[in-house]
Amino acid sequence: DMEQMENISAHLSEKAAEYAEQLPIPPHTDPEGKELLCLNLY
């Protein structure tokens, strides 16, 4: 199993670097009038 598993940690780090440059837009929530407390990847 582990021999064929993609290293998703590497993809997570790449996505985190992308988000650090430009915050993504939430798909279901209108940010208008709200303050962002947390943006996390897991």
PDB file of all heavy atoms in Angstrom:
ATOM      1  N   ASP A   1       0.837  -1.208   0.000  1.00  0.00           N
ATOM      2  CA  ASP A   1       0.000   0.000   0.000  1.00  0.00           C
ATOM      3  C   ASP A   1       0.865   1.248   0.000  1.00  0.00           C
ATOM      4  O   ASP A   1       0.653   2.182  -0.785  1.00  0.00           O
ATOM      5  CB  ASP A   1      -0.908   0.022   1.238  1.00  0.00           C
ATOM      6  CG  ASP A   1      -2.015  -1.008   1.174  1.00  0.00           C
ATOM      7  OD1 ASP A   1      -2.378  -1.416   0.058  1.00  0.00           O
ATOM      8  OD2 ASP A   1      -2.500  -1.406   2.248  1.00  0.00           O
ATOM      9  N   MET A   2       1.851   1.272   0.888  1.00  0.00           N
ATOM     10  CA  MET A   2       2.656   2.478   1.036  1.00  0.00           C
ATOM     11  C   MET A   2       3.550   2.732  -0.167  1.00  0.00           C
ATOM     12  O   MET A   2       3.921   3.867  -0.447  1.00  0.00           O
ATOM     13  CB  MET A   2       3.463   2.403   2.333  1.00  0.00           C
ATOM     14  CG  MET A   2       2.574   2.581   3.566  1.00  0.00           C
ATOM     15  SD  MET A   2       3.501   2.767   5.103  1.00  0.00           S
ATOM     16  CE  MET A   2       3.856   1.059   5.468  1.00  0.00           C
ATOM     17  N   GLU A   3       3.884   1.676  -0.898  1.00  0.00           N
ATOM     18  CA  GLU A   3       4.718   1.856  -2.078  1.00  0.00           C
ATOM     19  C   GLU A   3       3.979   2.602  -3.188  1.00  0.00           C
ATOM     20  O   GLU A   3       4.592   3.278  -3.999  1.00  0.00           O
ATOM     21  CB  GLU A   3       5.196   0.492  -2.590  1.00  0.00           C
ATOM     22  CG  GLU A   3       6.305  -0.110  -1.733  1.00  0.00           C
ATOM     23  CD  GLU A   3       6.703  -1.490  -2.219  1.00  0.00           C
ATOM     24  OE1 GLU A   3       5.880  -2.133  -2.903  1.00  0.00           O
ATOM     25  OE2 GLU A   3       7.827  -1.923  -1.916  1.00  0.00           O
ATOM     26  N   GLN A   4       2.659   2.475  -3.232  1.00  0.00           N
ATOM     27  CA  GLN A   4       1.908   3.116  -4.299  1.00  0.00           C
ATOM     28  C   GLN A   4       1.164   4.377  -3.834  1.00  0.00           C
ATOM     29  O   GLN A   4       0.440   4.980  -4.594  1.00  0.00           O
ATOM     30  CB  GLN A   4       0.897   2.133  -4.908  1.00  0.00           C
ATOM     31  CG  GLN A   4      -0.193   1.668  -3.947  1.00  0.00           C
ATOM     32  CD  GLN A   4      -1.228   0.802  -4.645  1.00  0.00           C
ATOM     33  OE1 GLN A   4      -1.772   1.187  -5.680  1.00  0.00           O
ATOM     34  NE2 GLN A   4      -1.491  -0.372  -4.091  1.00  0.00           N
ATOM     35  N   MET A   5       1.393   4.768  -2.581  1.00  0.00           N
ATOM     36  CA  MET A   5       0.648   5.917  -2.066  1.00  0.00           C
ATOM     37  C   MET A   5       1.287   7.233  -2.475  1.00  0.00           C
ATOM     38  O   MET A   5       2.488   7.427  -2.340  1.00  0.00           O
ATOM     39  CB  MET A   5       0.536   5.829  -0.543  1.00  0.00           C
ATOM     40  CG  MET A   5      -0.388   4.707  -0.090  1.00  0.00           C
ATOM     41  SD  MET A   5      -0.433   4.521   1.687  1.00  0.00           S
ATOM     42  CE  MET A   5      -1.391   5.951   2.138  1.00  0.00           C
ATOM     43  N   GLU A   6       0.455   8.121  -2.960  1.00  0.00           N
ATOM     44  CA  GLU A   6       0.901   9.477  -3.279  1.00  0.00           C
ATOM     45  C   GLU A   6       1.219  10.212  -1.981  1.00  0.00           C
ATOM     46  O   GLU A   6       0.537  10.044  -0.965  1.00  0.00           O
ATOM     47  CB  GLU A   6      -0.214  10.211  -4.029  1.00  0.00           C
ATOM     48  CG  GLU A   6       0.085  11.656  -4.361  1.00  0.00           C
ATOM     49  CD  GLU A   6       1.113  11.791  -5.469  1.00  0.00           C
ATOM     50  OE1 GLU A   6       1.301  10.826  -6.219  1.00  0.00           O
ATOM     51  OE2 GLU A   6       1.710  12.860  -5.575  1.00  0.00           O
ATOM     52  N   ASN A   7       2.269  11.015  -1.989  1.00  0.00           N
ATOM     53  CA  ASN A   7       2.651  11.790  -0.807  1.00  0.00           C
ATOM     54  C   ASN A   7       1.788  13.046  -0.750  1.00  0.00           C
ATOM     55  O   ASN A   7       2.135  14.092  -1.281  1.00  0.00           O
ATOM     56  CB  ASN A   7       4.134  12.152  -0.895  1.00  0.00           C
ATOM     57  CG  ASN A   7       4.631  12.824   0.371  1.00  0.00           C
ATOM     58  OD1 ASN A   7       3.838  13.252   1.208  1.00  0.00           O
ATOM     59  ND2 ASN A   7       5.928  12.923   0.509  1.00  0.00           N
ATOM     60  N   ILE A   8       0.633  12.939  -0.102  1.00  0.00           N
ATOM     61  CA  ILE A   8      -0.277  14.077  -0.083  1.00  0.00           C
ATOM     62  C   ILE A   8       0.250  15.213   0.798  1.00  0.00           C
ATOM     63  O   ILE A   8      -0.211  16.341   0.683  1.00  0.00           O
ATOM     64  CB  ILE A   8      -1.702  13.682   0.354  1.00  0.00           C
ATOM     65  CG1 ILE A   8      -1.711  13.014   1.731  1.00  0.00           C
ATOM     66  CG2 ILE A   8      -2.360  12.803  -0.677  1.00  0.00           C
ATOM     67  CD1 ILE A   8      -3.112  12.773   2.258  1.00  0.00           C
ATOM     68  N   SER A   9       1.224  14.926   1.671  1.00  0.00           N
ATOM     69  CA  SER A   9       1.841  16.004   2.446  1.00  0.00           C
ATOM     70  C   SER A   9       2.504  17.019   1.525  1.00  0.00           C
ATOM     71  O   SER A   9       2.466  18.226   1.775  1.00  0.00           O
ATOM     72  CB  SER A   9       2.890  15.438   3.409  1.00  0.00           C
ATOM     73  OG  SER A   9       2.281  14.732   4.446  1.00  0.00           O
ATOM     74  N   ALA A  10       3.133  16.524   0.453  1.00  0.00           N
ATOM     75  CA  ALA A  10       3.782  17.435  -0.501  1.00  0.00           C
ATOM     76  C   ALA A  10       2.740  18.307  -1.190  1.00  0.00           C
ATOM     77  O   ALA A  10       2.936  19.516  -1.381  1.00  0.00           O
ATOM     78  CB  ALA A  10       4.575  16.632  -1.523  1.00  0.00           C
ATOM     79  N   HIS A  11       1.606  17.715  -1.556  1.00  0.00           N
ATOM     80  CA  HIS A  11       0.540  18.493  -2.196  1.00  0.00           C
ATOM     81  C   HIS A  11      -0.057  19.507  -1.220  1.00  0.00           C
ATOM     82  O   HIS A  11      -0.404  20.627  -1.594  1.00  0.00           O
ATOM     83  CB  HIS A  11      -0.550  17.559  -2.711  1.00  0.00           C
ATOM     84  CG  HIS A  11      -0.105  16.668  -3.821  1.00  0.00           C
ATOM     85  ND1 HIS A  11       0.188  17.144  -5.081  1.00  0.00           N
ATOM     86  CD2 HIS A  11       0.133  15.341  -3.863  1.00  0.00           C
ATOM     87  CE1 HIS A  11       0.559  16.140  -5.854  1.00  0.00           C
ATOM     88  NE2 HIS A  11       0.553  15.038  -5.126  1.00  0.00           N
ATOM     89  N   LEU A  12      -0.172  19.104   0.046  1.00  0.00           N
ATOM     90  CA  LEU A  12      -0.700  20.021   1.050  1.00  0.00           C
ATOM     91  C   LEU A  12       0.217  21.230   1.207  1.00  0.00           C
ATOM     92  O   LEU A  12      -0.244  22.377   1.284  1.00  0.00           O
ATOM     93  CB  LEU A  12      -0.869  19.293   2.378  1.00  0.00           C
ATOM     94  CG  LEU A  12      -1.482  20.087   3.523  1.00  0.00           C
ATOM     95  CD1 LEU A  12      -2.425  19.209   4.340  1.00  0.00           C
ATOM     96  CD2 LEU A  12      -0.414  20.632   4.458  1.00  0.00           C
ATOM     97  N   SER A  13       1.534  21.003   1.232  1.00  0.00           N
ATOM     98  CA  SER A  13       2.483  22.113   1.364  1.00  0.00           C
ATOM     99  C   SER A  13       2.414  23.048   0.160  1.00  0.00           C
ATOM    100  O   SER A  13       2.496  24.272   0.299  1.00  0.00           O
ATOM    101  CB  SER A  13       3.906  21.566   1.531  1.00  0.00           C
ATOM    102  OG  SER A  13       4.017  20.847   2.737  1.00  0.00           O
ATOM    103  N   GLU A  14       2.266  22.470  -1.045  1.00  0.00           N
ATOM    104  CA  GLU A  14       2.136  23.296  -2.248  1.00  0.00           C
ATOM    105  C   GLU A  14       0.870  24.143  -2.190  1.00  0.00           C
ATOM    106  O   GLU A  14       0.883  25.324  -2.535  1.00  0.00           O
ATOM    107  CB  GLU A  14       2.114  22.398  -3.490  1.00  0.00           C
ATOM    108  CG  GLU A  14       3.447  21.717  -3.784  1.00  0.00           C
ATOM    109  CD  GLU A  14       3.325  20.693  -4.878  1.00  0.00           C
ATOM    110  OE1 GLU A  14       2.209  20.561  -5.452  1.00  0.00           O
ATOM    111  OE2 GLU A  14       4.329  20.016  -5.180  1.00  0.00           O
ATOM    112  N   LYS A  15      -0.225  23.534  -1.756  1.00  0.00           N
ATOM    113  CA  LYS A  15      -1.489  24.269  -1.660  1.00  0.00           C
ATOM    114  C   LYS A  15      -1.397  25.357  -0.596  1.00  0.00           C
ATOM    115  O   LYS A  15      -1.917  26.464  -0.782  1.00  0.00           O
ATOM    116  CB  LYS A  15      -2.610  23.291  -1.322  1.00  0.00           C
ATOM    117  CG  LYS A  15      -4.008  23.870  -1.361  1.00  0.00           C
ATOM    118  CD  LYS A  15      -4.400  24.350  -2.738  1.00  0.00           C
ATOM    119  CE  LYS A  15      -4.623  23.233  -3.713  1.00  0.00           C
ATOM    120  NZ  LYS A  15      -5.115  23.726  -5.021  1.00  0.00           N
ATOM    121  N   ALA A  16      -0.697  25.071   0.501  1.00  0.00           N
ATOM    122  CA  ALA A  16      -0.526  26.082   1.554  1.00  0.00           C
ATOM    123  C   ALA A  16       0.259  27.280   1.038  1.00  0.00           C
ATOM    124  O   ALA A  16      -0.061  28.435   1.354  1.00  0.00           O
ATOM    125  CB  ALA A  16       0.176  25.465   2.760  1.00  0.00           C
ATOM    126  N   ALA A  17       1.313  27.032   0.242  1.00  0.00           N
ATOM    127  CA  ALA A  17       2.096  28.129  -0.331  1.00  0.00           C
ATOM    128  C   ALA A  17       1.242  28.965  -1.276  1.00  0.00           C
ATOM    129  O   ALA A  17       1.348  30.199  -1.311  1.00  0.00           O
ATOM    130  CB  ALA A  17       3.308  27.561  -1.065  1.00  0.00           C
ATOM    131  N   GLU A  18       0.378  28.286  -2.026  1.00  0.00           N
ATOM    132  CA  GLU A  18      -0.526  28.999  -2.937  1.00  0.00           C
ATOM    133  C   GLU A  18      -1.497  29.878  -2.157  1.00  0.00           C
ATOM    134  O   GLU A  18      -1.743  31.030  -2.501  1.00  0.00           O
ATOM    135  CB  GLU A  18      -1.286  27.958  -3.774  1.00  0.00           C
ATOM    136  CG  GLU A  18      -2.338  28.537  -4.689  1.00  0.00           C
ATOM    137  CD  GLU A  18      -3.157  27.440  -5.349  1.00  0.00           C
ATOM    138  OE1 GLU A  18      -2.592  26.366  -5.626  1.00  0.00           O
ATOM    139  OE2 GLU A  18      -4.371  27.668  -5.568  1.00  0.00           O
ATOM    140  N   TYR A  19      -2.049  29.341  -1.069  1.00  0.00           N
ATOM    141  CA  TYR A  19      -3.005  30.106  -0.251  1.00  0.00           C
ATOM    142  C   TYR A  19      -2.329  31.273   0.464  1.00  0.00           C
ATOM    143  O   TYR A  19      -2.961  32.297   0.725  1.00  0.00           O
ATOM    144  CB  TYR A  19      -3.642  29.189   0.790  1.00  0.00           C
ATOM    145  CG  TYR A  19      -4.668  28.230   0.241  1.00  0.00           C
ATOM    146  CD1 TYR A  19      -5.251  27.254   1.055  1.00  0.00           C
ATOM    147  CD2 TYR A  19      -5.058  28.263  -1.102  1.00  0.00           C
ATOM    148  CE1 TYR A  19      -6.189  26.363   0.567  1.00  0.00           C
ATOM    149  CE2 TYR A  19      -5.987  27.376  -1.601  1.00  0.00           C
ATOM    150  CZ  TYR A  19      -6.545  26.431  -0.765  1.00  0.00           C
ATOM    151  OH  TYR A  19      -7.475  25.546  -1.247  1.00  0.00           O
ATOM    152  N   ALA A  20      -1.059  31.098   0.815  1.00  0.00           N
ATOM    153  CA  ALA A  20      -0.347  32.179   1.502  1.00  0.00           C
ATOM    154  C   ALA A  20      -0.201  33.392   0.595  1.00  0.00           C
ATOM    155  O   ALA A  20      -0.141  34.534   1.070  1.00  0.00           O
ATOM    156  CB  ALA A  20       1.025  31.689   1.956  1.00  0.00           C
ATOM    157  N   GLU A  21      -0.122  33.158  -0.722  1.00  0.00           N
ATOM    158  CA  GLU A  21      -0.026  34.276  -1.676  1.00  0.00           C
ATOM    159  C   GLU A  21      -1.387  34.874  -1.969  1.00  0.00           C
ATOM    160  O   GLU A  21      -1.530  36.083  -2.107  1.00  0.00           O
ATOM    161  CB  GLU A  21       0.610  33.790  -2.982  1.00  0.00           C
ATOM    162  CG  GLU A  21       2.080  33.420  -2.837  1.00  0.00           C
ATOM    163  CD  GLU A  21       2.709  33.069  -4.160  1.00  0.00           C
ATOM    164  OE1 GLU A  21       2.029  33.222  -5.211  1.00  0.00           O
ATOM    165  OE2 GLU A  21       3.866  32.635  -4.170  1.00  0.00           O
ATOM    166  N   GLN A  22      -2.394  34.041  -2.077  1.00  0.00           N
ATOM    167  CA  GLN A  22      -3.749  34.528  -2.368  1.00  0.00           C
ATOM    168  C   GLN A  22      -4.756  33.662  -1.636  1.00  0.00           C
ATOM    169  O   GLN A  22      -4.859  32.465  -1.886  1.00  0.00           O
ATOM    170  CB  GLN A  22      -4.013  34.475  -3.877  1.00  0.00           C
ATOM    171  CG  GLN A  22      -5.450  34.712  -4.222  1.00  0.00           C
ATOM    172  CD  GLN A  22      -5.635  35.885  -5.164  1.00  0.00           C
ATOM    173  OE1 GLN A  22      -4.742  36.242  -5.887  1.00  0.00           O
ATOM    174  NE2 GLN A  22      -6.792  36.487  -5.115  1.00  0.00           N
ATOM    175  N   LEU A  23      -5.518  34.257  -0.725  1.00  0.00           N
ATOM    176  CA  LEU A  23      -6.493  33.490   0.038  1.00  0.00           C
ATOM    177  C   LEU A  23      -7.612  33.014  -0.884  1.00  0.00           C
ATOM    178  O   LEU A  23      -8.118  33.774  -1.712  1.00  0.00           O
ATOM    179  CB  LEU A  23      -7.081  34.353   1.158  1.00  0.00           C
ATOM    180  CG  LEU A  23      -6.117  34.803   2.252  1.00  0.00           C
ATOM    181  CD1 LEU A  23      -6.837  35.666   3.279  1.00  0.00           C
ATOM    182  CD2 LEU A  23      -5.475  33.608   2.938  1.00  0.00           C
ATOM    183  N   PRO A  24      -8.021  31.758  -0.748  1.00  0.00           N
ATOM    184  CA  PRO A  24      -9.101  31.235  -1.589  1.00  0.00           C
ATOM    185  C   PRO A  24     -10.465  31.749  -1.128  1.00  0.00           C
ATOM    186  O   PRO A  24     -10.629  32.182   0.021  1.00  0.00           O
ATOM    187  CB  PRO A  24      -8.981  29.721  -1.391  1.00  0.00           C
ATOM    188  CG  PRO A  24      -8.426  29.586  -0.006  1.00  0.00           C
ATOM    189  CD  PRO A  24      -7.488  30.741   0.176  1.00  0.00           C
ATOM    190  N   ILE A  25     -11.418  31.666  -2.026  1.00  0.00           N
ATOM    191  CA  ILE A  25     -12.783  32.100  -1.717  1.00  0.00           C
ATOM    192  C   ILE A  25     -13.583  30.895  -1.238  1.00  0.00           C
ATOM    193  O   ILE A  25     -13.577  29.850  -1.884  1.00  0.00           O
ATOM    194  CB  ILE A  25     -13.449  32.710  -2.963  1.00  0.00           C
ATOM    195  CG1 ILE A  25     -12.666  33.937  -3.420  1.00  0.00           C
ATOM    196  CG2 ILE A  25     -14.908  33.081  -2.679  1.00  0.00           C
ATOM    197  CD1 ILE A  25     -13.140  34.508  -4.734  1.00  0.00           C
ATOM    198  N   PRO A  26     -14.270  30.997  -0.107  1.00  0.00           N
ATOM    199  CA  PRO A  26     -15.057  29.853   0.385  1.00  0.00           C
ATOM    200  C   PRO A  26     -16.204  29.539  -0.569  1.00  0.00           C
ATOM    201  O   PRO A  26     -16.826  30.445  -1.124  1.00  0.00           O
ATOM    202  CB  PRO A  26     -15.565  30.340   1.745  1.00  0.00           C
ATOM    203  CG  PRO A  26     -15.559  31.833   1.641  1.00  0.00           C
ATOM    204  CD  PRO A  26     -14.407  32.177   0.766  1.00  0.00           C
ATOM    205  N   PRO A  27     -16.519  28.267  -0.772  1.00  0.00           N
ATOM    206  CA  PRO A  27     -17.536  27.903  -1.760  1.00  0.00           C
ATOM    207  C   PRO A  27     -18.974  28.105  -1.313  1.00  0.00           C
ATOM    208  O   PRO A  27     -19.867  28.233  -2.149  1.00  0.00           O
ATOM    209  CB  PRO A  27     -17.257  26.412  -2.012  1.00  0.00           C
ATOM    210  CG  PRO A  27     -16.591  25.931  -0.766  1.00  0.00           C
ATOM    211  CD  PRO A  27     -15.808  27.086  -0.244  1.00  0.00           C
ATOM    212  N   HIS A  28     -19.228  28.142   0.003  1.00  0.00           N
ATOM    213  CA  HIS A  28     -20.621  28.178   0.463  1.00  0.00           C
ATOM    214  C   HIS A  28     -20.948  29.387   1.333  1.00  0.00           C
ATOM    215  O   HIS A  28     -22.078  29.519   1.797  1.00  0.00           O
ATOM    216  CB  HIS A  28     -20.946  26.914   1.277  1.00  0.00           C
ATOM    217  CG  HIS A  28     -20.554  25.637   0.625  1.00  0.00           C
ATOM    218  ND1 HIS A  28     -19.419  24.942   0.960  1.00  0.00           N
ATOM    219  CD2 HIS A  28     -21.142  24.931  -0.368  1.00  0.00           C
ATOM    220  CE1 HIS A  28     -19.323  23.851   0.208  1.00  0.00           C
ATOM    221  NE2 HIS A  28     -20.342  23.830  -0.609  1.00  0.00           N
ATOM    222  N   THR A  29     -19.964  30.233   1.608  1.00  0.00           N
ATOM    223  CA  THR A  29     -20.157  31.339   2.546  1.00  0.00           C
ATOM    224  C   THR A  29     -19.826  32.663   1.877  1.00  0.00           C
ATOM    225  O   THR A  29     -18.782  32.786   1.229  1.00  0.00           O
ATOM    226  CB  THR A  29     -19.276  31.169   3.797  1.00  0.00           C
ATOM    227  OG1 THR A  29     -19.593  29.918   4.418  1.00  0.00           O
ATOM    228  CG2 THR A  29     -19.486  32.301   4.788  1.00  0.00           C
ATOM    229  N   ASP A  30     -20.695  33.640   2.047  1.00  0.00           N
ATOM    230  CA  ASP A  30     -20.430  34.985   1.553  1.00  0.00           C
ATOM    231  C   ASP A  30     -19.592  35.728   2.596  1.00  0.00           C
ATOM    232  O   ASP A  30     -20.062  35.973   3.701  1.00  0.00           O
ATOM    233  CB  ASP A  30     -21.751  35.717   1.314  1.00  0.00           C
ATOM    234  CG  ASP A  30     -21.536  37.131   0.760  1.00  0.00           C
ATOM    235  OD1 ASP A  30     -20.367  37.499   0.484  1.00  0.00           O
ATOM    236  OD2 ASP A  30     -22.531  37.860   0.609  1.00  0.00           O
ATOM    237  N   PRO A  31     -18.338  36.085   2.274  1.00  0.00           N
ATOM    238  CA  PRO A  31     -17.466  36.737   3.268  1.00  0.00           C
ATOM    239  C   PRO A  31     -17.861  38.178   3.587  1.00  0.00           C
ATOM    240  O   PRO A  31     -17.306  38.775   4.508  1.00  0.00           O
ATOM    241  CB  PRO A  31     -16.077  36.705   2.596  1.00  0.00           C
ATOM    242  CG  PRO A  31     -16.197  35.755   1.443  1.00  0.00           C
ATOM    243  CD  PRO A  31     -17.618  35.820   1.014  1.00  0.00           C
ATOM    244  N   GLU A  32     -18.806  38.741   2.849  1.00  0.00           N
ATOM    245  CA  GLU A  32     -19.194  40.131   3.059  1.00  0.00           C
ATOM    246  C   GLU A  32     -19.696  40.331   4.488  1.00  0.00           C
ATOM    247  O   GLU A  32     -20.577  39.618   4.981  1.00  0.00           O
ATOM    248  CB  GLU A  32     -20.304  40.509   2.059  1.00  0.00           C
ATOM    249  CG  GLU A  32     -20.699  41.973   2.096  1.00  0.00           C
ATOM    250  CD  GLU A  32     -19.597  42.900   1.603  1.00  0.00           C
ATOM    251  OE1 GLU A  32     -18.775  42.448   0.769  1.00  0.00           O
ATOM    252  OE2 GLU A  32     -19.553  44.059   2.054  1.00  0.00           O
ATOM    253  N   GLY A  33     -19.109  41.320   5.176  1.00  0.00           N
ATOM    254  CA  GLY A  33     -19.515  41.634   6.537  1.00  0.00           C
ATOM    255  C   GLY A  33     -18.984  40.679   7.583  1.00  0.00           C
ATOM    256  O   GLY A  33     -19.411  40.726   8.739  1.00  0.00           O
ATOM    257  N   LYS A  34     -18.053  39.827   7.190  1.00  0.00           N
ATOM    258  CA  LYS A  34     -17.516  38.843   8.127  1.00  0.00           C
ATOM    259  C   LYS A  34     -15.994  38.982   8.218  1.00  0.00           C
ATOM    260  O   LYS A  34     -15.352  39.504   7.314  1.00  0.00           O
ATOM    261  CB  LYS A  34     -17.875  37.421   7.685  1.00  0.00           C
ATOM    262  CG  LYS A  34     -19.375  37.178   7.562  1.00  0.00           C
ATOM    263  CD  LYS A  34     -19.655  35.778   7.063  1.00  0.00           C
ATOM    264  CE  LYS A  34     -21.148  35.546   6.869  1.00  0.00           C
ATOM    265  NZ  LYS A  34     -21.721  36.397   5.808  1.00  0.00           N
ATOM    266  N   GLU A  35     -15.436  38.489   9.313  1.00  0.00           N
ATOM    267  CA  GLU A  35     -13.987  38.514   9.536  1.00  0.00           C
ATOM    268  C   GLU A  35     -13.448  37.094   9.543  1.00  0.00           C
ATOM    269  O   GLU A  35     -13.991  36.220  10.221  1.00  0.00           O
ATOM    270  CB  GLU A  35     -13.684  39.199  10.869  1.00  0.00           C
ATOM    271  CG  GLU A  35     -12.199  39.240  11.210  1.00  0.00           C
ATOM    272  CD  GLU A  35     -11.936  39.845  12.568  1.00  0.00           C
ATOM    273  OE1 GLU A  35     -12.828  40.563  13.087  1.00  0.00           O
ATOM    274  OE2 GLU A  35     -10.856  39.593  13.135  1.00  0.00           O
ATOM    275  N   LEU A  36     -12.386  36.867   8.765  1.00  0.00           N
ATOM    276  CA  LEU A  36     -11.794  35.538   8.689  1.00  0.00           C
ATOM    277  C   LEU A  36     -10.962  35.267   9.940  1.00  0.00           C
ATOM    278  O   LEU A  36      -9.990  35.963  10.218  1.00  0.00           O
ATOM    279  CB  LEU A  36     -10.912  35.413   7.438  1.00  0.00           C
ATOM    280  CG  LEU A  36     -10.199  34.068   7.247  1.00  0.00           C
ATOM    281  CD1 LEU A  36     -11.213  32.937   7.091  1.00  0.00           C
ATOM    282  CD2 LEU A  36      -9.274  34.124   6.031  1.00  0.00           C
ATOM    283  N   LEU A  37     -11.341  34.235  10.684  1.00  0.00           N
ATOM    284  CA  LEU A  37     -10.607  33.848  11.886  1.00  0.00           C
ATOM    285  C   LEU A  37      -9.572  32.776  11.589  1.00  0.00           C
ATOM    286  O   LEU A  37      -8.453  32.823  12.089  1.00  0.00           O
ATOM    287  CB  LEU A  37     -11.580  33.315  12.946  1.00  0.00           C
ATOM    288  CG  LEU A  37     -12.552  34.318  13.554  1.00  0.00           C
ATOM    289  CD1 LEU A  37     -13.506  33.589  14.483  1.00  0.00           C
ATOM    290  CD2 LEU A  37     -11.805  35.398  14.315  1.00  0.00           C
ATOM    291  N   CYS A  38      -9.968  31.771  10.810  1.00  0.00           N
ATOM    292  CA  CYS A  38      -9.083  30.646  10.522  1.00  0.00           C
ATOM    293  C   CYS A  38      -9.195  30.235   9.066  1.00  0.00           C
ATOM    294  O   CYS A  38     -10.277  30.248   8.495  1.00  0.00           O
ATOM    295  CB  CYS A  38      -9.453  29.439  11.385  1.00  0.00           C
ATOM    296  SG  CYS A  38      -9.211  29.672  13.139  1.00  0.00           S
ATOM    297  N   LEU A  39      -8.058  29.869   8.502  1.00  0.00           N
ATOM    298  CA  LEU A  39      -8.012  29.194   7.206  1.00  0.00           C
ATOM    299  C   LEU A  39      -6.943  28.125   7.329  1.00  0.00           C
ATOM    300  O   LEU A  39      -5.758  28.431   7.447  1.00  0.00           O
ATOM    301  CB  LEU A  39      -7.672  30.159   6.067  1.00  0.00           C
ATOM    302  CG  LEU A  39      -7.407  29.490   4.713  1.00  0.00           C
ATOM    303  CD1 LEU A  39      -8.613  28.675   4.257  1.00  0.00           C
ATOM    304  CD2 LEU A  39      -7.037  30.512   3.662  1.00  0.00           C
ATOM    305  N   ASN A  40      -7.362  26.876   7.324  1.00  0.00           N
ATOM    306  CA  ASN A  40      -6.450  25.780   7.583  1.00  0.00           C
ATOM    307  C   ASN A  40      -6.608  24.660   6.567  1.00  0.00           C
ATOM    308  O   ASN A  40      -7.682  24.480   5.988  1.00  0.00           O
ATOM    309  CB  ASN A  40      -6.678  25.207   8.987  1.00  0.00           C
ATOM    310  CG  ASN A  40      -6.517  26.257  10.062  1.00  0.00           C
ATOM    311  OD1 ASN A  40      -5.594  27.054  10.011  1.00  0.00           O
ATOM    312  ND2 ASN A  40      -7.420  26.276  11.010  1.00  0.00           N
ATOM    313  N   LEU A  41      -5.533  23.923   6.374  1.00  0.00           N
ATOM    314  CA  LEU A  41      -5.520  22.745   5.520  1.00  0.00           C
ATOM    315  C   LEU A  41      -5.265  21.520   6.388  1.00  0.00           C
ATOM    316  O   LEU A  41      -4.478  21.582   7.336  1.00  0.00           O
ATOM    317  CB  LEU A  41      -4.420  22.852   4.462  1.00  0.00           C
ATOM    318  CG  LEU A  41      -4.681  23.844   3.338  1.00  0.00           C
ATOM    319  CD1 LEU A  41      -3.364  24.397   2.818  1.00  0.00           C
ATOM    320  CD2 LEU A  41      -5.442  23.183   2.209  1.00  0.00           C
ATOM    321  N   TYR A  42      -5.906  20.409   6.022  1.00  0.00           N
ATOM    322  CA  TYR A  42      -5.757  19.190   6.807  1.00  0.00           C
ATOM    323  C   TYR A  42      -5.788  18.011   5.848  1.00  0.00           C
ATOM    324  O   TYR A  42      -6.585  17.992   4.902  1.00  0.00           O
ATOM    325  CB  TYR A  42      -6.896  19.095   7.819  1.00  0.00           C
ATOM    326  CG  TYR A  42      -6.786  17.950   8.781  1.00  0.00           C
ATOM    327  CD1 TYR A  42      -5.761  17.906   9.714  1.00  0.00           C
ATOM    328  CD2 TYR A  42      -7.707  16.907   8.767  1.00  0.00           C
ATOM    329  CE1 TYR A  42      -5.656  16.851  10.606  1.00  0.00           C
ATOM    330  CE2 TYR A  42      -7.616  15.857   9.659  1.00  0.00           C
ATOM    331  CZ  TYR A  42      -6.578  15.834  10.583  1.00  0.00           C
ATOM    332  OH  TYR A  42      -6.477  14.789  11.452  1.00  0.00           O
TER     333      TYR A  42
END
